[in-house]
Amino acid sequence: MSHDDLPQYPQFPLHPTSPDAFLAAPQSHVPPRDELGDIDDRFVFDFRSYDEPGDGRRWSTWLSVEPLCRGPEPLPDWVVTSQGAIDTELGVLKTGKEADVHLIERADPLEPAGAVVMAAKRYRSSEHRTFHRAASYTEGRSMKRSRDERAVKRKSTFGRQVAAGEWAVSEWGALVRLWNLGLPVPYPVQIDGTEILMEWITVVDEDGALATAPRLAQTRPSPELLAAYFEQLTDALATMVQNGVVHGDLSAYNILAAGERLVVIDLPQIVDLVGNLNGMTFLQRDCANICGWFRSRGLDADEHALFAELMAHAF
């Protein structure tokens, strides 16, 4: 067989002799698709190059956490799941004794229109200070490892780190559970250690820009809106007690007023209505706090009547 009888294949350019030449124009050494013949589409993908994140930025942690550490399905359409997305710190939204809330933008640099700003609640570790009356809230809870439980009781540095993680896990579980029940809470995006990423609850300010929704305590609603707010809270509390849970620290300071709807926040201390010996006491206090605020705004709200109504839903 002569050389002319051999099958002829497309002639591809040779690789550059210098690595620098390849880096300078890598695309020039890739044969066009139509010259490669029939290729199974399962082996074809688009390659996109990303720059390394700079200071105050990190790669998205969405794919680095376990599936159970991501928000419940179906995901809202605003959740960014791209592996190339970058998280950018935008600043502190709120500080507290146990946790600080930051704002984070998550965006794929190649798809900037899909960027989203989320609230990142970060529980403190070594500086973590135990919740006031924490033993009452955690009545009936148990830890997987007795070593962790002993460390928390001793309030050692390691114990405070464990406690921070336990409170974060408790709030994450409460957000997921209440969201699945259709209750007005921020959508929980993901949990990573002591950091919870969740929906940023916003309103449109006078300049047409997005701003954090105010706390209910900061608002002066009209009588009609005030009555609508109270009805919303009553329905939310009824759904909670029907499912055996109590907020445990509900007040006008941990409820956000997003226009005509209310959103309940700060849920790490959520308690079991029956399993916790203080469950009824916490529910009575929630009723008293809420009704007291609504009365101060002119609505005839009776905490005893509200408590009785909720008990009818619970049993």
Foldseek 3Di string as FASTA:
>chain_A
DDPVPDDDADDFDDDDPDPVVCVVPVVVRDDDPVRVPDDDCVPDDDDDDDDADDPQKHFDCQVVDDPVQFFDPPDDPLDDDDRQKMKHWDAWDADDQFWTKTKIWIDRPVCRVSIDIWIKIFGDQQSGDDDDVLVLLCQLPDDPDVVQVVCLVVVDSNVRNSVLQLLQVLQSVVQRVLVVLVAQAWGFGGDDRNMTITHQQWEQDPVRDTDGFAQQLPDQDDPVLLVLAVVSVLVSLLSQLLVFKDQLDAASRQWGCHDSYIHGDDRSSIHGLPSRPCNLVSLLVNLVRHCVSSVVSPDNRDSVVSSVVSVVSND
